Amino acid sequence: MNSPHPLVLILAALWFSTLAILIADPLWLSALMLLCLLFRGLLVGFEFKLWIRQVLKFLPLIIFIILLQAYLSDPQSSGGHSHLFVISRSGVQTGLAVSLRLLIVFFSAQVLVRLNYEDFDLAFRALRLPEELCFMVFYVIHLIPLAAEKIRHSLRLLRLRGIAWNKLRWKAKLKLYQRISLTVIAGLLSGSDIQATALELRGFRSSGPRSRLHTRAFGISDAALVLVLAVVTHLIVITL
């Protein structure tokens, strides 16, 4: 079976992210998380080891969010008495819901990162949207992964120079992070200028019809995926 149309994939990723923001129940968010993982697995393969590593990277942030919500939410639940270590059940649920939203948005956004510019061009052309908007959306989506890769590259260079990152003090780490971040931002801005110049040289704003190497029509798999999303949305609406 052919892969879904890029427009359908973009709509599916937006569907997961939107529902993650609108739904407040952790149980429904857990079900949506499983559905998001199932969608990603059917699309690019079930990479369980990779998923576990990615969740483990978010684990400190998840624990911090849950503890913060547990201690700061529902200050009236202690009967008017102030206790330092009073854990709110509603706060734990809120923290869990926020953490699940974060994971759903992350995993659904990774579907968009896997799409190349030709995919975005096909999707935006199907909606008859300007090509300039297509390029801006594509560039912004891939900006964060590009910045993360540049930061990892800078850290590898530090290790090759014999700098033991784990043995540095926090003050030295902050100084290095400041220099690395400034270097990465400057590189991204320079890269943006180069991309804009390259587009102008290729006649990006020239008028007239454009010829394209790859074309794509909607198929049965696209209709089936849209139908599934519509049915699930209807079930969530009537249940909630």
Foldseek 3Di string as FASTA:
>chain_A
DDAFQLLLLVVVLVLLLVVLVVDQFLVVLVVSLVVLQVVVCVRPHNPPVVLVVVVVVCVVVLVVLLVVLQQPPDPCPVVPDDDRPHGDPVSNSRSSSVSSSVSSNVSSLVSLLPDDLVSLVQNCVVVPHDSVVSVVVSCVSCLVVVLVVQLVVVVVVCVVVVNDPVPDDPVVVVVVVVVSNVVSVVVVVVVVVVVVVVCVVVVVPPDDDDDDDDHDDGDPVSVVSVVVSVVVVVVVVVVD
